[in-house]
Amino acid sequence: MKLHRGPGLFLFLFLCVLGAAWVVASRMGYLDTLQARFFPSVREAVRLSPGDFPAGVSAPVADVASVPLRPVLIGFTARGSAASLLVAAGGATTLDNPAAPPGAAQGVLKTAYALDARAVLFAREEELRQALAIGAENGGVDMGFLSVDRLASWAPGLRDAAPRTLLLVGRSRGQEALAAVGVTDLASLRGKRVGVYPFSSTHYFALWVLARAGLRTTDVKWVDLPSTLDAGRALREGRADAVVGLWGDVELAARDRGGAVLATTADAPHLVATVLVARGDFAARYPDAVRRVLRGMLDAGQAVLKDPAAGARMLGEVAPYLGDPTEAIRSAPPATLADNRAFFGLSGEAPVTYDELYQSAAALFQKLKQGPPVPLAEDTRDLGALKYVSEARGP
């Protein structure tokens, strides 16, 4: 059979030559040059943020100022362990009015360490997260009290703030509680409405309660509350069959309706741990201020443990919803230096360390598909100041 040349053969050869030319141009970079010149909008736009660079790059070369020339702002939500901060700062303020009230007593940080610091009260953990994200220079705070589970959940969103855990403030030993009406035990929660503020440590505790009862997250009907402080009201108004909140609030609400408290963090005293977290840029710029804060917090914590009267008085003024402030301190006492050494693995032993608690919380939230992957625990802590203070104070 005789072969005939047709137009298809020339088309095939042309395509082969064109393909070879494209490969050569691609490898030599000519295509990228042409794309940049004639189609610049096709190139992927990359959004840069402060989190792309180390937190300390803007710190001064020399020690220009060992502490800020303005007050150090430390945000917190009221818990018993916050009494140590109130004693250290001499009381509490708010972001709307951060100035110390006239006639306010000076705290340990001012009298013993010459550091002007303000304890800034927040009603909701989410508001504190936002304040820590923007920083004190932009209307937020320099440091904040966060539970380890919240830090594990929020670390990706706080990437630009480069949060660094500095100190264990305290553990909850009964501060968070689950109370219910018409429910006799944890297994009976199946099919019930459970009210919880989803951006709080009470939510983490609620998940632990379900695991303890052998229930799945879909076995209950979740009712999102606007804040932890709304838990007692939700139970009274019948918006939920059970709620998870602060013991002083939900216990009274349950009693008023003939219900009962079914579980508290006294059943898991190493589950909810509150830590002091600083913005990475602040910690890098003012390391001496960080050391002073740690010293003052530890001194104030020891004073509260020895005599809780002053701390209880301040705590009762800013957080009456905690109930008896002395009992609130007992159920969430300030952590000692020995507690910190064990919690961060410096010396001694702890049933649960910071790394274990952080990583398990991060894994849990990933299992629940809540948020992107989080950084490792070692990337969220800075123990330099704690080691310095620990060595200075000895065993």
Protein backbone atom coordinates (compact mmCIF):
# COMPACT_ATOMS: atom_id res chain seq x y z
CA MET A 1 0.00 0.00 0.00
CA LYS A 2 1.43 3.35 -0.97
CA LEU A 3 1.56 6.02 1.73
CA HIS A 4 0.28 9.49 0.87
CA ARG A 5 1.44 12.68 2.57
CA GLY A 6 -1.47 14.70 3.79
CA PRO A 7 -1.91 17.95 5.74
CA GLY A 8 -2.12 15.93 8.99
CA LEU A 9 1.56 14.96 8.81
CA PHE A 10 2.69 18.57 8.63
CA LEU A 11 0.38 19.47 11.50
CA PHE A 12 1.84 16.64 13.59
CA LEU A 13 5.40 17.75 12.91
CA PHE A 14 4.48 21.34 13.74
CA LEU A 15 3.00 20.31 17.07
CA CYS A 16 6.09 18.25 17.91
CA VAL A 17 8.36 21.21 17.20
CA LEU A 18 6.10 23.51 19.21
CA GLY A 19 6.12 21.11 22.18
CA ALA A 20 9.89 20.79 22.11
CA ALA A 21 10.25 24.57 21.97
CA TRP A 22 7.90 24.92 24.95
CA VAL A 23 9.95 22.45 27.00
CA VAL A 24 13.22 24.21 26.19
CA ALA A 25 11.76 27.67 26.92
CA SER A 26 10.27 26.48 30.19
CA ARG A 27 13.54 25.00 31.42
CA MET A 28 15.52 28.08 30.46
CA GLY A 29 13.08 30.43 32.19
CA TYR A 30 11.83 32.22 29.09
CA LEU A 31 8.18 31.40 29.84
CA ASP A 32 8.37 32.97 33.30
CA THR A 33 9.85 36.13 31.79
CA LEU A 34 7.11 36.35 29.17
CA GLN A 35 4.41 35.69 31.76
CA ALA A 36 5.75 38.40 34.06
CA ARG A 37 5.84 40.90 31.19
CA PHE A 38 2.56 40.20 29.39
CA PHE A 39 0.40 38.52 32.08
CA PRO A 40 1.52 39.92 35.47
CA SER A 41 -1.89 39.36 37.09
CA VAL A 42 -1.64 35.61 36.48
CA ARG A 43 1.18 35.23 39.02
CA GLU A 44 0.01 34.19 42.48
CA ALA A 45 -0.31 37.08 44.95
CA VAL A 46 1.42 36.37 48.27
CA ARG A 47 0.15 38.13 51.37
CA LEU A 48 2.88 38.86 53.90
CA SER A 49 2.30 39.25 57.64
CA PRO A 50 4.44 39.87 60.75
CA GLY A 51 4.20 36.17 61.57
CA ASP A 52 6.45 35.43 58.58
CA PHE A 53 9.41 36.85 60.50
CA PRO A 54 10.87 36.21 63.99
CA ALA A 55 9.13 38.17 66.74
CA GLY A 56 12.32 39.85 67.95
CA VAL A 57 13.56 41.41 64.71
CA SER A 58 12.40 44.89 65.74
CA ALA A 59 13.93 44.76 69.22
CA PRO A 60 16.56 47.47 69.81
CA VAL A 61 20.22 46.57 69.30
CA ALA A 62 21.18 48.13 72.62
CA ASP A 63 19.25 48.00 75.89
CA VAL A 64 17.43 51.29 75.26
CA ALA A 65 14.76 50.68 77.89
CA SER A 66 14.62 47.70 80.24
CA VAL A 67 10.88 48.19 80.72
CA PRO A 68 8.22 50.03 78.70
CA LEU A 69 7.75 53.73 79.36
CA ARG A 70 4.01 53.04 79.59
CA PRO A 71 2.04 50.63 81.81
CA VAL A 72 2.33 46.94 81.00
CA LEU A 73 -1.18 45.67 80.24
CA ILE A 74 -2.02 42.11 81.34
CA GLY A 75 -5.44 40.81 80.32
CA PHE A 76 -7.36 38.19 82.27
CA THR A 77 -10.76 36.62 82.77
CA ALA A 78 -11.77 36.19 86.39
CA ARG A 79 -10.78 32.92 88.06
CA GLY A 80 -9.58 32.20 91.56
CA SER A 81 -5.95 32.17 90.45
CA ALA A 82 -6.38 35.72 89.09
CA ALA A 83 -6.21 36.93 92.70
CA SER A 84 -2.41 36.81 92.38
CA LEU A 85 -2.53 39.23 89.44
CA LEU A 86 -4.86 41.58 91.30
CA VAL A 87 -2.50 41.68 94.27
CA ALA A 88 0.49 42.13 91.94
CA ALA A 89 -1.14 45.00 90.01
CA GLY A 90 -3.11 46.56 92.86
CA GLY A 91 -6.55 45.98 91.34
CA ALA A 92 -8.22 45.71 87.94
CA THR A 93 -9.08 48.06 85.10
CA THR A 94 -10.73 47.66 81.68
CA LEU A 95 -9.62 48.52 78.16
CA ASP A 96 -12.25 51.26 78.03
CA ASN A 97 -10.69 52.87 81.10
CA PRO A 98 -7.17 51.47 81.59
CA ALA A 99 -6.05 54.20 84.00
CA ALA A 100 -5.82 53.22 87.65
CA PRO A 101 -8.73 54.62 89.69
CA PRO A 102 -7.94 57.52 92.07
CA GLY A 103 -6.67 56.27 95.40
CA ALA A 104 -6.03 52.75 94.11
CA ALA A 105 -3.52 50.75 96.10
CA GLN A 106 -0.14 50.02 94.55
CA GLY A 107 0.57 46.39 93.89
CA VAL A 108 3.64 44.25 94.41
CA LEU A 109 4.93 44.96 90.92
CA LYS A 110 5.04 48.69 91.61
CA THR A 111 6.30 48.65 95.20
CA ALA A 112 8.83 45.81 94.93
CA TYR A 113 9.87 45.84 91.26
CA ALA A 114 9.27 49.42 90.07
CA LEU A 115 7.05 48.22 87.24
CA ASP A 116 3.81 49.98 86.32
CA ALA A 117 1.41 47.18 85.36
CA ARG A 118 -2.36 47.06 84.93
CA ALA A 119 -4.60 44.01 85.23
CA VAL A 120 -7.22 44.38 82.47
CA LEU A 121 -10.46 42.48 83.05
CA PHE A 122 -12.32 40.79 80.17
CA ALA A 123 -15.77 39.23 80.38
CA ARG A 124 -15.14 36.78 77.52
CA GLU A 125 -12.07 34.78 76.53
CA GLU A 126 -12.61 35.63 72.86
CA GLU A 127 -12.30 39.35 73.64
CA LEU A 128 -9.02 38.67 75.43
CA ARG A 129 -7.76 36.71 72.42
CA GLN A 130 -8.50 39.65 70.14
CA ALA A 131 -6.75 42.08 72.50
CA LEU A 132 -3.66 39.88 72.63
CA ALA A 133 -3.67 39.58 68.85
CA ILE A 134 -3.48 43.35 68.25
CA GLY A 135 -1.18 44.24 71.17
CA ALA A 136 -1.13 47.13 73.63
CA GLU A 137 0.27 49.54 71.05
CA ASN A 138 -2.96 49.16 69.08
CA GLY A 139 -5.50 49.17 71.90
CA GLY A 140 -4.97 45.61 73.15
CA VAL A 141 -2.73 44.01 75.79
CA ASP A 142 0.90 42.89 76.11
CA MET A 143 0.17 39.71 78.04
CA GLY A 144 -2.83 37.59 78.89
CA PHE A 145 -4.10 34.72 81.00
CA LEU A 146 -5.16 31.85 78.72
CA SER A 147 -5.95 28.24 79.50
CA VAL A 148 -3.63 25.84 77.71
CA ASP A 149 -6.50 24.37 75.69
CA ARG A 150 -7.46 27.85 74.43
CA LEU A 151 -3.88 28.53 73.39
CA ALA A 152 -3.81 25.23 71.50
CA SER A 153 -7.04 26.20 69.75
CA TRP A 154 -6.08 29.80 68.98
CA ALA A 155 -2.35 29.47 68.21
CA PRO A 156 -2.84 29.58 64.40
CA GLY A 157 -4.98 32.73 64.69
CA LEU A 158 -2.41 34.33 67.01
CA ARG A 159 0.48 33.60 64.64
CA ASP A 160 1.30 37.27 64.04
CA ALA A 161 1.43 37.85 67.81
CA ALA A 162 3.88 34.92 68.22
CA PRO A 163 2.47 34.03 71.68
CA ARG A 164 4.96 32.72 74.22
CA THR A 165 3.91 30.89 77.38
CA LEU A 166 5.92 32.15 80.35
CA LEU A 167 4.36 30.93 83.59
CA LEU A 168 1.78 28.58 85.06
CA VAL A 169 -0.74 30.82 86.83
CA GLY A 170 -2.93 28.10 88.36
CA ARG A 171 -5.03 24.99 87.80
CA SER A 172 -8.77 24.63 88.19
CA ARG A 173 -9.71 22.26 90.98
CA GLY A 174 -13.45 22.75 90.87
CA GLN A 175 -13.90 26.20 89.30
CA GLU A 176 -15.59 24.86 86.14
CA ALA A 177 -18.71 22.79 86.68
CA LEU A 178 -21.50 21.02 84.80
CA ALA A 179 -24.94 21.48 86.37
CA ALA A 180 -28.23 20.06 85.16
CA VAL A 181 -31.95 20.00 85.89
CA GLY A 182 -33.85 16.75 85.45
CA VAL A 183 -30.66 14.79 84.79
CA THR A 184 -29.44 12.39 87.46
CA ASP A 185 -26.08 11.29 86.05
CA LEU A 186 -23.68 11.97 83.19
CA ALA A 187 -24.92 9.09 81.06
CA SER A 188 -28.40 10.64 81.12
CA LEU A 189 -27.08 13.64 79.17
CA ARG A 190 -27.74 11.69 75.98
CA GLY A 191 -30.24 13.63 73.87
CA LYS A 192 -30.23 16.61 76.25
CA ARG A 193 -29.50 20.26 75.49
CA VAL A 194 -26.09 21.24 76.84
CA GLY A 195 -25.30 24.94 76.99
CA VAL A 196 -21.69 26.09 76.78
CA TYR A 197 -19.70 29.08 75.59
CA PRO A 198 -17.66 27.51 72.75
CA PHE A 199 -14.66 29.84 73.09
CA SER A 200 -13.75 28.97 76.66
CA SER A 201 -12.08 26.36 78.83
CA THR A 202 -15.57 25.29 79.94
CA HIS A 203 -16.06 23.85 76.44
CA TYR A 204 -12.88 21.81 76.82
CA PHE A 205 -14.12 20.56 80.19
CA ALA A 206 -17.49 19.68 78.62
CA LEU A 207 -15.70 17.50 76.06
CA TRP A 208 -13.86 15.71 78.87
CA VAL A 209 -17.17 15.09 80.64
CA LEU A 210 -18.64 13.50 77.52
CA ALA A 211 -15.59 11.28 77.13
CA ARG A 212 -15.88 10.23 80.77
CA ALA A 213 -19.54 9.34 80.25
CA GLY A 214 -18.81 7.42 77.05
CA LEU A 215 -20.84 9.83 74.92
CA ARG A 216 -20.11 11.21 71.47
CA THR A 217 -20.31 14.89 70.62
CA THR A 218 -23.41 14.14 68.56
CA ASP A 219 -25.16 12.43 71.49
CA VAL A 220 -26.06 15.83 72.97
CA LYS A 221 -27.65 18.94 71.49
CA TRP A 222 -25.20 21.80 71.88
CA VAL A 223 -26.55 25.23 72.78
CA ASP A 224 -24.00 27.99 72.14
CA LEU A 225 -23.96 30.62 74.88
CA PRO A 226 -22.74 34.21 74.32
CA SER A 227 -20.36 33.93 77.27
CA THR A 228 -19.45 31.68 80.17
CA LEU A 229 -21.29 34.08 82.47
CA ASP A 230 -24.56 33.29 80.66
CA ALA A 231 -24.56 29.63 81.77
CA GLY A 232 -26.53 30.09 85.00
CA ARG A 233 -29.10 32.30 83.29
CA ALA A 234 -29.58 29.77 80.49
CA LEU A 235 -30.31 27.02 83.02
CA ARG A 236 -32.76 29.19 84.96
CA GLU A 237 -34.62 30.20 81.81
CA GLY A 238 -34.86 26.63 80.56
CA ARG A 239 -32.82 27.27 77.41
CA ALA A 240 -30.71 24.22 78.26
CA ASP A 241 -31.12 21.04 80.29
CA ALA A 242 -27.50 21.21 81.40
CA VAL A 243 -24.86 23.92 81.30
CA VAL A 244 -21.13 24.14 81.81
CA GLY A 245 -19.85 27.28 83.49
CA LEU A 246 -18.35 28.66 86.67
CA TRP A 247 -19.28 26.77 89.83
CA GLY A 248 -20.51 29.79 91.78
CA ASP A 249 -22.89 30.67 88.96
CA VAL A 250 -24.26 27.31 87.80
CA GLU A 251 -24.51 25.69 91.23
CA LEU A 252 -26.85 28.41 92.45
CA ALA A 253 -28.94 28.25 89.26
CA ALA A 254 -29.27 24.46 89.53
CA ARG A 255 -30.27 24.67 93.19
CA ASP A 256 -32.96 27.25 92.39
CA ARG A 257 -34.55 24.82 89.92
CA GLY A 258 -34.10 21.65 91.94
CA GLY A 259 -31.14 20.43 89.90
CA ALA A 260 -27.61 19.50 90.87
CA VAL A 261 -23.95 19.78 89.91
CA LEU A 262 -22.91 16.54 88.20
CA ALA A 263 -19.19 17.16 87.62
CA THR A 264 -16.48 19.74 88.30
CA THR A 265 -12.82 20.12 87.45
CA ALA A 266 -12.10 18.74 90.93
CA ASP A 267 -12.61 15.41 89.12
CA ALA A 268 -9.84 16.39 86.66
CA PRO A 269 -7.59 18.85 88.55
CA HIS A 270 -4.87 18.80 85.86
CA LEU A 271 -7.16 19.38 82.87
CA VAL A 272 -7.70 23.16 82.89
CA ALA A 273 -4.43 25.02 83.48
CA THR A 274 -4.16 28.79 83.12
CA VAL A 275 -0.85 30.19 81.85
CA LEU A 276 0.60 33.65 81.38
CA VAL A 277 1.16 34.29 77.67
CA ALA A 278 3.09 37.25 76.26
CA ARG A 279 3.24 38.61 72.73
CA GLY A 280 6.52 37.54 71.17
CA ASP A 281 7.55 41.09 70.23
CA PHE A 282 6.96 42.34 73.77
CA ALA A 283 8.94 39.49 75.34
CA ALA A 284 11.84 40.07 72.93
CA ARG A 285 11.88 43.85 73.39
CA TYR A 286 11.45 43.96 77.18
CA PRO A 287 12.97 40.81 78.72
CA ASP A 288 13.59 42.58 82.03
CA ALA A 289 9.93 43.56 82.26
CA VAL A 290 8.99 39.90 81.72
CA ARG A 291 11.30 38.83 84.57
CA ARG A 292 9.79 41.46 86.86
CA VAL A 293 6.27 40.33 86.03
CA LEU A 294 7.17 36.73 86.83
CA ARG A 295 8.77 37.70 90.14
CA GLY A 296 5.84 39.86 91.12
CA MET A 297 3.29 37.20 90.15
CA LEU A 298 5.06 34.52 92.16
CA ASP A 299 5.42 36.82 95.19
CA ALA A 300 1.76 37.81 95.01
CA GLY A 301 0.71 34.18 94.60
CA GLN A 302 2.61 33.21 97.74
CA ALA A 303 0.98 36.07 99.62
CA VAL A 304 -2.49 34.94 98.50
CA LEU A 305 -1.80 31.35 99.53
CA LYS A 306 -0.56 32.52 102.93
CA ASP A 307 -3.41 34.97 103.54
CA PRO A 308 -6.14 35.15 100.87
CA ALA A 309 -8.00 38.08 102.49
CA ALA A 310 -6.62 40.88 100.29
CA GLY A 311 -6.84 38.85 97.09
CA ALA A 312 -10.34 37.65 97.94
CA ARG A 313 -11.51 41.21 98.56
CA MET A 314 -10.24 42.38 95.16
CA LEU A 315 -11.60 39.29 93.42
CA GLY A 316 -15.03 39.78 94.99
CA GLU A 317 -15.13 43.38 93.76
CA VAL A 318 -14.41 42.55 90.11
CA ALA A 319 -16.07 39.12 89.82
CA PRO A 320 -19.06 38.67 92.15
CA TYR A 321 -20.33 35.92 89.83
CA LEU A 322 -17.62 33.61 91.18
CA GLY A 323 -19.54 33.39 94.44
CA ASP A 324 -17.55 33.36 97.67
CA PRO A 325 -14.15 34.71 96.53
CA THR A 326 -12.28 32.78 99.22
CA GLU A 327 -13.86 29.58 97.95
CA ALA A 328 -13.05 30.63 94.38
CA ILE A 329 -9.37 30.96 95.31
CA ARG A 330 -9.46 27.57 97.02
CA SER A 331 -10.90 25.94 93.88
CA ALA A 332 -8.30 27.59 91.62
CA PRO A 333 -5.30 28.58 93.76
CA PRO A 334 -2.26 30.44 92.40
CA ALA A 335 0.58 28.20 91.27
CA THR A 336 3.88 28.19 93.16
CA LEU A 337 7.41 28.18 91.78
CA ALA A 338 7.62 24.44 92.52
CA ASP A 339 4.40 23.92 90.53
CA ASN A 340 5.95 25.79 87.61
CA ARG A 341 9.18 23.82 87.69
CA ALA A 342 7.28 20.54 87.53
CA PHE A 343 4.69 21.72 84.97
CA PHE A 344 7.37 22.84 82.50
CA GLY A 345 9.69 19.90 83.18
CA LEU A 346 12.46 21.90 84.85
CA SER A 347 12.53 19.81 88.04
CA GLY A 348 10.24 17.54 89.97
CA GLU A 349 7.34 15.60 88.53
CA ALA A 350 3.85 16.56 87.40
CA PRO A 351 0.98 14.24 86.43
CA VAL A 352 0.51 16.32 83.29
CA THR A 353 3.14 18.67 81.85
CA TYR A 354 2.59 21.72 79.68
CA ASP A 355 3.72 19.94 76.52
CA GLU A 356 1.41 16.97 77.17
CA LEU A 357 -1.60 19.14 77.89
CA TYR A 358 -1.00 21.42 74.90
CA GLN A 359 -0.39 18.61 72.40
CA SER A 360 -3.37 16.55 73.57
CA ALA A 361 -5.68 19.58 73.29
CA ALA A 362 -4.30 20.38 69.84
CA ALA A 363 -4.83 16.78 68.71
CA LEU A 364 -8.38 16.82 70.07
CA PHE A 365 -9.33 19.97 68.17
CA GLN A 366 -7.81 18.49 65.01
CA LYS A 367 -9.89 15.36 65.58
CA LEU A 368 -12.98 17.54 65.86
CA LYS A 369 -11.86 19.41 62.72
CA GLN A 370 -11.81 22.73 64.54
CA GLY A 371 -9.20 24.93 62.89
CA PRO A 372 -5.92 24.43 60.99
CA PRO A 373 -2.87 22.53 62.30
CA VAL A 374 -1.22 24.16 65.29
CA PRO A 375 2.48 24.73 66.07
CA LEU A 376 4.35 22.36 68.36
CA ALA A 377 4.26 22.96 72.11
CA GLU A 378 7.98 23.80 72.18
CA ASP A 379 7.34 26.64 69.73
CA THR A 380 4.76 28.25 72.03
CA ARG A 381 6.76 28.50 75.25
CA ASP A 382 9.72 30.61 76.34
CA LEU A 383 11.15 29.42 79.65
CA GLY A 384 14.18 31.71 79.72
CA ALA A 385 12.68 34.14 82.24
CA LEU A 386 11.28 31.35 84.41
CA LYS A 387 14.65 29.59 84.49
CA TYR A 388 16.33 32.87 85.41
CA VAL A 389 13.93 33.51 88.28
CA SER A 390 14.05 29.87 89.39
CA GLU A 391 17.85 29.80 89.55
CA ALA A 392 17.95 33.11 91.40
CA ARG A 393 15.56 31.85 94.08
CA GLY A 394 17.22 28.48 94.46
CA PRO A 395 15.61 25.13 95.30
